[in-house]
Amino acid sequence: MAENKRDYYEVLGVSKGASDDEIKKAFRKLAKQYHPDLHPDDKDAEAKFKEVNEAYEVLSDPSKKAKYDQFGFAGVDPNYGAGQGGGFDGGFGGFGDMGDIFDSIFGAFGGGSRSNPNAPRRGSDIEVSTVISFMEACKGTSKTIKVTRNCKCPDCNGSGAAAGSSAKTCPDCGGKGTVNISQQSIFGMVRQTVKCSRCGGKGKIVDNPCKKCSGKGIVRKTEEREVNIPAGIDDGQNLRVGGGGNCGANGGQNGDLYINVTVRPDAIFERDGYDVWTEIPLTYGQAVLGDEITVPTIDGKVKYKVPEGTQVGTIFRLRGKGIKKVNRNDRGDHYVKVSVEIPKNLTKDQKQALKDFEQSLENKNYQKRQSFFDKLKEKFK
């Protein structure tokens, strides 16, 4: 039920005075956290994901946010609280809404005016999320994205009027959406510009509204879009699909669609920019004697010759084996960091063999150790 909804600011975990950037940042974090791809068959996560998207849809739209801040859910959901009576209807007499009050004030001091209500207006942008694997980010992929957006009503072509009829210019305001009135104030008779009450500030009247869109000219539609994700995209980056957002009004262009990409971490590879890092454990014998090892890369397995005497923390570089740079042909590098695993659970014979081997070594076999003790002697002589 609508009455059980949580406050949209509470849903996103931001304060009422949060900036647009703070709201967007909070949305991205929660959208990643509850994304259905990360929680398959989890109804609770799915419900929270929808709740987060609903909150962001309102708070990211300046017009909807203003109405929500003023009237709560009743300002953005006409069905909220239906049948409970009262509300704000008629509460402000002839003023309409608070925007009219401010218009009246500015109108009284210099004749302020509203913009043309019938001028083309660009649609708002939409932001959605998708989750891809590490290898998909490296190689590029194609994803089917579900997008719910405002579309021009196909039955009335956005006019709001039923077939065979058309919207007509409001006779009270002449299509301006505002009317001038004179009103007595403490300063005397002042001239004010207010929203036209007959057309609601739209400048047009629809006598026979379209049944499909109820005269709004727009319908909500869920679409599936095939989106190409380029090779090299990183976690948290956005893809822009021009014109993929909500439809414009009065012939205005559509908003854009932004796809926020989350990349799942990989069990073997770690990314640093366009470089890839892998840590490979060597045995004691491999580090001492050297060996040819197999190195996994994003292109498959490659052979690499580890020189004898390789030390812990040594880093090898495989040029051009990293991630392809977005919309470019060059690539980063692949770095292999070596760790040496010290053997455990040795037998008595193995321990003795190791002691015999250790006793056979000379100072020249341990250059770092010898250098350390030489410095120690110099410091405390």
Protein backbone atom coordinates (compact mmCIF):
# COMPACT_ATOMS: atom_id res chain seq x y z
CA MET A 1 0.00 0.00 0.00
CA ALA A 2 1.21 3.49 -0.80
CA GLU A 3 0.65 4.61 2.81
CA ASN A 4 3.39 2.21 3.97
CA LYS A 5 6.05 3.69 1.74
CA ARG A 6 9.30 4.83 3.33
CA ASP A 7 10.42 8.42 2.93
CA TYR A 8 12.47 8.68 -0.28
CA TYR A 9 15.35 10.45 1.49
CA GLU A 10 15.39 7.66 4.07
CA VAL A 11 15.45 5.05 1.28
CA LEU A 12 18.60 6.59 -0.24
CA GLY A 13 20.10 7.36 3.17
CA VAL A 14 20.58 11.09 2.51
CA SER A 15 19.35 14.23 4.23
CA LYS A 16 16.57 16.39 2.81
CA GLY A 17 19.11 19.06 1.90
CA ALA A 18 21.34 16.64 -0.03
CA SER A 19 22.86 17.87 -3.28
CA ASP A 20 22.21 16.28 -6.68
CA ASP A 21 25.67 14.68 -6.57
CA GLU A 22 25.04 13.23 -3.10
CA ILE A 23 21.70 11.80 -4.24
CA LYS A 24 23.27 10.27 -7.36
CA LYS A 25 26.19 8.82 -5.38
CA ALA A 26 23.83 7.24 -2.83
CA PHE A 27 21.68 5.78 -5.61
CA ARG A 28 24.64 4.21 -7.40
CA LYS A 29 25.90 2.61 -4.17
CA LEU A 30 22.51 1.11 -3.28
CA ALA A 31 21.72 0.08 -6.87
CA LYS A 32 24.95 -1.93 -6.88
CA GLN A 33 24.21 -3.38 -3.46
CA TYR A 34 20.72 -4.67 -4.32
CA HIS A 35 21.08 -5.30 -8.07
CA PRO A 36 19.10 -8.46 -9.05
CA ASP A 37 22.08 -9.86 -10.98
CA LEU A 38 24.02 -10.03 -7.71
CA HIS A 39 21.07 -11.49 -5.76
CA PRO A 40 19.25 -13.96 -8.04
CA ASP A 41 15.93 -15.23 -6.63
CA ASP A 42 16.20 -12.86 -3.64
CA LYS A 43 12.78 -11.20 -3.44
CA ASP A 44 13.83 -8.90 -0.61
CA ALA A 45 16.80 -7.52 -2.61
CA GLU A 46 14.55 -7.14 -5.67
CA ALA A 47 12.01 -5.15 -3.63
CA LYS A 48 14.73 -2.91 -2.22
CA PHE A 49 16.19 -2.38 -5.70
CA LYS A 50 12.78 -1.23 -6.96
CA GLU A 51 12.34 1.00 -3.90
CA VAL A 52 15.75 2.63 -4.51
CA ASN A 53 14.94 3.23 -8.20
CA GLU A 54 11.55 4.74 -7.34
CA ALA A 55 13.14 7.10 -4.81
CA TYR A 56 15.84 8.16 -7.26
CA GLU A 57 13.34 8.73 -10.07
CA VAL A 58 11.61 11.35 -7.92
CA LEU A 59 14.60 12.96 -6.16
CA SER A 60 16.69 13.22 -9.35
CA ASP A 61 13.92 15.17 -11.13
CA PRO A 62 13.90 18.82 -9.91
CA SER A 63 10.17 19.22 -10.60
CA LYS A 64 9.14 15.98 -8.87
CA LYS A 65 11.54 16.63 -6.00
CA ALA A 66 10.04 20.06 -5.39
CA LYS A 67 6.53 18.61 -5.28
CA TYR A 68 7.63 15.80 -3.00
CA ASP A 69 9.39 18.21 -0.64
CA GLN A 70 6.20 20.32 -0.44
CA PHE A 71 3.42 17.74 -0.41
CA GLY A 72 5.12 14.39 0.24
CA PHE A 73 3.85 11.34 -1.66
CA ALA A 74 0.63 13.19 -2.49
CA GLY A 75 2.67 15.54 -4.67
CA VAL A 76 4.08 12.79 -6.90
CA ASP A 77 1.46 10.01 -6.62
CA PRO A 78 -2.13 11.07 -7.34
CA ASN A 79 -3.40 7.79 -5.87
CA TYR A 80 -1.65 8.27 -2.53
CA GLY A 81 -4.11 8.74 0.34
CA ALA A 82 -7.11 8.46 -1.99
CA GLY A 83 -10.37 8.41 -0.07
CA GLN A 84 -8.91 9.97 3.05
CA GLY A 85 -10.46 13.32 2.28
CA GLY A 86 -9.14 16.84 2.72
CA GLY A 87 -5.58 17.04 1.51
CA PHE A 88 -4.43 20.31 0.04
CA ASP A 89 -7.31 20.85 -2.38
CA GLY A 90 -8.60 24.37 -1.96
CA GLY A 91 -6.27 24.98 0.96
CA PHE A 92 -4.72 28.05 -0.64
CA GLY A 93 -7.77 29.57 -2.28
CA GLY A 94 -6.95 31.13 -5.62
CA PHE A 95 -3.19 30.83 -5.25
CA GLY A 96 -3.01 27.25 -6.64
CA ASP A 97 0.44 26.12 -5.46
CA MET A 98 3.40 27.78 -3.78
CA GLY A 99 5.04 28.43 -7.15
CA ASP A 100 2.15 30.78 -7.95
CA ILE A 101 2.74 32.69 -4.73
CA PHE A 102 6.35 33.39 -5.71
CA ASP A 103 5.27 34.27 -9.24
CA SER A 104 2.78 36.71 -7.76
CA ILE A 105 5.46 38.35 -5.63
CA PHE A 106 7.83 38.79 -8.56
CA GLY A 107 4.98 39.86 -10.78
CA ALA A 108 4.16 42.65 -8.35
CA PHE A 109 7.71 43.97 -8.57
CA GLY A 110 8.41 44.34 -12.23
CA GLY A 111 5.97 42.09 -14.06
CA GLY A 112 7.86 38.76 -13.98
CA SER A 113 6.64 36.14 -16.45
CA ARG A 114 6.67 32.38 -16.97
CA SER A 115 8.34 30.75 -19.94
CA ASN A 116 6.16 29.68 -22.83
CA PRO A 117 4.35 26.51 -21.62
CA ASN A 118 4.14 25.25 -25.21
CA ALA A 119 7.85 25.65 -26.00
CA PRO A 120 9.80 22.43 -26.68
CA ARG A 121 11.27 20.94 -23.50
CA ARG A 122 13.95 18.29 -23.28
CA GLY A 123 13.07 15.04 -21.50
CA SER A 124 14.86 14.05 -18.30
CA ASP A 125 17.76 11.60 -18.20
CA ILE A 126 17.46 8.06 -16.87
CA GLU A 127 20.12 6.08 -15.00
CA VAL A 128 20.12 2.27 -14.75
CA SER A 129 22.69 -0.29 -13.60
CA THR A 130 24.14 -3.50 -15.01
CA VAL A 131 26.65 -6.03 -13.71
CA ILE A 132 29.34 -7.69 -15.87
CA SER A 133 32.22 -10.07 -15.21
CA PHE A 134 35.90 -9.12 -15.14
CA MET A 135 36.54 -10.81 -18.48
CA GLU A 136 33.52 -9.12 -20.07
CA ALA A 137 35.00 -5.78 -19.00
CA CYS A 138 38.34 -6.74 -20.55
CA LYS A 139 36.96 -8.05 -23.84
CA GLY A 140 33.74 -6.07 -24.25
CA THR A 141 30.27 -7.56 -24.35
CA SER A 142 26.64 -6.95 -25.26
CA LYS A 143 23.93 -6.73 -22.61
CA THR A 144 20.15 -6.57 -22.73
CA ILE A 145 19.04 -3.73 -20.45
CA LYS A 146 15.48 -3.20 -19.22
CA VAL A 147 14.51 0.46 -19.18
CA THR A 148 11.24 1.95 -17.99
CA ARG A 149 10.73 5.43 -19.40
CA ASN A 150 8.19 8.04 -20.45
CA CYS A 151 7.26 7.68 -24.12
CA LYS A 152 5.07 9.73 -26.39
CA CYS A 153 1.58 8.25 -26.36
CA PRO A 154 1.17 6.29 -29.62
CA ASP A 155 -2.60 6.84 -29.76
CA CYS A 156 -2.60 10.64 -29.57
CA ASN A 157 1.00 11.25 -30.69
CA GLY A 158 1.64 13.18 -27.48
CA SER A 159 -1.19 15.70 -27.87
CA GLY A 160 -3.28 14.26 -25.04
CA ALA A 161 -6.41 14.54 -27.19
CA ALA A 162 -8.44 11.54 -28.34
CA ALA A 163 -8.37 10.52 -32.01
CA GLY A 164 -10.41 12.85 -34.17
CA SER A 165 -10.01 15.77 -31.75
CA SER A 166 -7.24 18.14 -30.80
CA ALA A 167 -6.16 20.35 -27.95
CA LYS A 168 -7.31 23.95 -28.27
CA THR A 169 -5.74 27.15 -27.08
CA CYS A 170 -7.01 28.21 -23.68
CA PRO A 171 -9.37 31.17 -24.17
CA ASP A 172 -8.58 32.64 -20.74
CA CYS A 173 -4.80 32.96 -21.12
CA GLY A 174 -4.47 32.85 -24.91
CA GLY A 175 -2.01 29.97 -24.70
CA LYS A 176 0.42 31.74 -22.35
CA GLY A 177 -0.40 29.62 -19.34
CA THR A 178 -0.59 32.71 -17.13
CA VAL A 179 -3.07 35.54 -16.58
CA ASN A 180 -2.63 38.99 -15.09
CA ILE A 181 -4.79 40.02 -12.18
CA SER A 182 -5.01 43.16 -10.06
CA GLN A 183 -5.23 42.79 -6.32
CA GLN A 184 -5.38 45.14 -3.38
CA SER A 185 -2.33 44.91 -1.09
CA ILE A 186 -0.71 46.97 1.66
CA PHE A 187 1.11 48.80 -1.14
CA GLY A 188 -2.11 49.59 -2.94
CA MET A 189 -3.42 47.97 -6.10
CA VAL A 190 -0.76 45.70 -7.60
CA ARG A 191 -0.68 43.76 -10.83
CA GLN A 192 0.21 40.09 -10.52
CA THR A 193 0.96 37.25 -12.93
CA VAL A 194 -0.48 33.90 -11.84
CA LYS A 195 -1.00 30.46 -13.34
CA CYS A 196 -4.13 30.22 -15.44
CA SER A 197 -6.65 28.25 -13.39
CA ARG A 198 -8.59 27.06 -16.43
CA CYS A 199 -5.75 25.23 -18.21
CA GLY A 200 -3.51 24.70 -15.17
CA GLY A 201 -0.67 26.66 -16.78
CA LYS A 202 -0.47 24.44 -19.86
CA GLY A 203 -1.85 27.03 -22.28
CA LYS A 204 -4.08 24.41 -23.89
CA ILE A 205 -7.32 22.64 -23.04
CA VAL A 206 -8.22 19.08 -23.95
CA ASP A 207 -11.99 18.59 -24.00
CA ASN A 208 -11.83 14.97 -25.16
CA PRO A 209 -8.75 13.36 -23.53
CA CYS A 210 -7.01 10.31 -24.96
CA LYS A 211 -8.06 7.19 -23.05
CA LYS A 212 -4.67 5.50 -23.28
CA CYS A 213 -2.72 8.31 -21.58
CA SER A 214 -5.65 10.05 -19.78
CA GLY A 215 -4.80 13.27 -21.58
CA LYS A 216 -1.18 13.42 -20.40
CA GLY A 217 0.33 12.77 -23.83
CA ILE A 218 2.85 10.32 -22.37
CA VAL A 219 2.78 6.68 -21.25
CA ARG A 220 5.18 4.63 -19.13
CA LYS A 221 6.77 1.85 -21.09
CA THR A 222 9.31 -0.86 -20.22
CA GLU A 223 11.64 -1.66 -23.08
CA GLU A 224 14.57 -4.00 -23.62
CA ARG A 225 17.62 -2.45 -25.25
CA GLU A 226 20.69 -4.21 -26.57
CA VAL A 227 23.70 -2.21 -25.38
CA ASN A 228 27.28 -2.71 -26.52
CA ILE A 229 29.74 -2.39 -23.64
CA PRO A 230 33.21 -1.54 -24.96
CA ALA A 231 36.36 -3.46 -24.04
CA GLY A 232 38.30 -1.78 -21.24
CA ILE A 233 35.37 -0.32 -19.31
CA ASP A 234 36.06 -0.11 -15.58
CA ASP A 235 33.94 -0.60 -12.47
CA GLY A 236 31.71 2.41 -11.75
CA GLN A 237 31.99 3.96 -15.20
CA ASN A 238 28.91 5.16 -17.10
CA LEU A 239 27.82 4.54 -20.66
CA ARG A 240 25.71 7.21 -22.34
CA VAL A 241 22.99 6.29 -24.82
CA GLY A 242 21.89 9.50 -26.50
CA GLY A 243 18.12 9.92 -26.67
CA GLY A 244 17.48 6.84 -24.55
CA GLY A 245 15.89 8.76 -21.67
CA ASN A 246 12.39 10.14 -21.09
CA CYS A 247 10.65 11.72 -24.06
CA GLY A 248 10.57 15.49 -24.40
CA ALA A 249 7.47 17.67 -24.33
CA ASN A 250 6.06 19.78 -27.16
CA GLY A 251 8.46 18.27 -29.67
CA GLY A 252 11.52 18.60 -27.42
CA GLN A 253 14.31 16.05 -27.71
CA ASN A 254 14.53 12.98 -25.50
CA GLY A 255 16.78 12.86 -22.46
CA ASP A 256 19.72 10.45 -22.36
CA LEU A 257 20.12 7.01 -20.84
CA TYR A 258 23.10 6.46 -18.54
CA ILE A 259 24.15 2.90 -17.73
CA ASN A 260 26.23 2.51 -14.59
CA VAL A 261 28.51 -0.53 -14.93
CA THR A 262 29.52 -2.72 -12.00
CA VAL A 263 32.38 -5.18 -12.64
CA ARG A 264 32.55 -8.30 -10.51
CA PRO A 265 36.00 -8.94 -8.95
CA ASP A 266 38.03 -11.84 -10.33
CA ALA A 267 39.59 -14.66 -8.30
CA ILE A 268 42.93 -14.50 -10.16
CA PHE A 269 43.30 -11.12 -11.79
CA GLU A 270 43.39 -7.67 -10.22
CA ARG A 271 43.04 -4.49 -12.24
CA ASP A 272 45.02 -1.26 -11.90
CA GLY A 273 43.94 1.13 -14.61
CA TYR A 274 44.57 -0.80 -17.81
CA ASP A 275 47.22 -3.04 -16.21
CA VAL A 276 46.52 -6.52 -14.82
CA TRP A 277 48.24 -8.00 -11.78
CA THR A 278 48.61 -11.65 -10.79
CA GLU A 279 50.42 -13.11 -7.79
CA ILE A 280 51.98 -16.52 -8.45
CA PRO A 281 53.41 -18.71 -5.66
CA LEU A 282 56.69 -20.51 -6.40
CA THR A 283 58.17 -23.41 -4.51
CA TYR A 284 61.44 -22.95 -2.66
CA GLY A 285 63.19 -25.04 -5.28
CA GLN A 286 61.73 -23.07 -8.19
CA ALA A 287 62.88 -19.79 -6.67
CA VAL A 288 66.39 -21.12 -6.02
CA LEU A 289 66.96 -23.07 -9.22
CA GLY A 290 64.70 -21.19 -11.63
CA ASP A 291 61.97 -22.79 -13.70
CA GLU A 292 59.58 -22.31 -16.61
CA ILE A 293 56.15 -21.48 -15.21
CA THR A 294 52.69 -21.04 -16.71
CA VAL A 295 51.23 -17.55 -16.31
CA PRO A 296 47.47 -17.00 -16.78
CA THR A 297 46.61 -13.84 -18.73
CA ILE A 298 43.33 -12.45 -20.03
CA ASP A 299 44.31 -13.85 -23.45
CA GLY A 300 45.08 -17.33 -22.11
CA LYS A 301 48.13 -19.12 -20.69
CA VAL A 302 51.71 -18.09 -21.55
CA LYS A 303 55.07 -19.61 -20.60
CA TYR A 304 57.62 -17.56 -18.66
CA LYS A 305 61.19 -18.43 -17.63
CA VAL A 306 61.82 -17.60 -13.98
CA PRO A 307 65.57 -17.05 -13.43
CA GLU A 308 67.41 -18.86 -10.63
CA GLY A 309 67.73 -16.98 -7.37
CA THR A 310 64.39 -15.21 -7.80
CA GLN A 311 63.52 -13.31 -4.61
CA VAL A 312 60.19 -12.92 -2.83
CA GLY A 313 58.28 -9.91 -4.19
CA THR A 314 60.06 -9.91 -7.58
CA ILE A 315 57.78 -8.46 -10.28
CA PHE A 316 57.86 -9.60 -13.92
CA ARG A 317 56.32 -7.51 -16.67
CA LEU A 318 54.53 -8.89 -19.73
CA ARG A 319 54.22 -5.98 -22.14
CA GLY A 320 50.95 -5.50 -23.99
CA LYS A 321 49.21 -8.34 -22.15
CA GLY A 322 46.94 -6.06 -20.13
CA ILE A 323 43.52 -4.55 -20.86
CA LYS A 324 42.64 -2.80 -24.09
CA LYS A 325 42.11 0.92 -23.61
CA VAL A 326 38.56 2.12 -24.33
CA ASN A 327 38.13 3.09 -27.99
CA ARG A 328 41.87 2.64 -28.62
CA ASN A 329 44.10 -0.14 -29.96
CA ASP A 330 46.90 -0.04 -27.38
CA ARG A 331 46.81 -2.07 -24.18
CA GLY A 332 48.17 -2.03 -20.68
CA ASP A 333 50.68 -4.55 -19.32
CA HIS A 334 50.41 -7.70 -17.22
CA TYR A 335 52.47 -7.79 -14.02
CA VAL A 336 53.35 -11.01 -12.21
CA LYS A 337 54.36 -10.70 -8.56
CA VAL A 338 56.25 -13.66 -7.14
CA SER A 339 55.71 -15.14 -3.71
CA VAL A 340 57.66 -18.11 -2.36
CA GLU A 341 55.82 -20.71 -0.35
CA ILE A 342 57.88 -22.11 2.52
CA PRO A 343 57.33 -25.88 2.82
CA LYS A 344 55.64 -27.23 5.95
CA ASN A 345 55.32 -30.65 7.59
CA LEU A 346 58.85 -31.79 6.65
CA THR A 347 59.98 -35.30 7.53
CA LYS A 348 63.03 -35.95 9.69
CA ASP A 349 65.12 -36.83 6.63
CA GLN A 350 63.96 -33.72 4.78
CA LYS A 351 64.88 -31.50 7.73
CA GLN A 352 68.32 -33.08 7.94
CA ALA A 353 68.85 -32.67 4.20
CA LEU A 354 67.89 -29.02 4.51
CA LYS A 355 70.32 -28.51 7.40
CA ASP A 356 73.11 -30.16 5.40
CA PHE A 357 72.29 -27.94 2.44
CA GLU A 358 72.22 -24.82 4.64
CA GLN A 359 75.62 -25.66 6.14
CA SER A 360 77.09 -26.03 2.67
CA LEU A 361 76.21 -22.44 1.75
CA GLU A 362 78.65 -19.53 2.00
CA ASN A 363 78.21 -15.79 2.58
CA LYS A 364 78.24 -15.18 -1.15
CA ASN A 365 75.03 -17.20 -1.43
CA TYR A 366 73.21 -14.70 0.81
CA GLN A 367 74.13 -11.24 -0.47
CA LYS A 368 71.29 -9.34 1.24
CA ARG A 369 71.92 -11.09 4.56
CA GLN A 370 75.65 -10.38 4.38
CA SER A 371 75.05 -6.74 3.48
CA PHE A 372 72.69 -6.34 6.45
CA PHE A 373 75.16 -7.73 8.99
CA ASP A 374 78.01 -5.65 7.54
CA LYS A 375 75.91 -2.50 8.10
CA LEU A 376 75.01 -3.71 11.60
CA LYS A 377 78.68 -4.15 12.51
CA GLU A 378 79.48 -0.70 11.17
CA LYS A 379 76.71 0.90 13.21
CA PHE A 380 77.61 -0.70 16.56
CA LYS A 381 81.38 -1.01 16.37
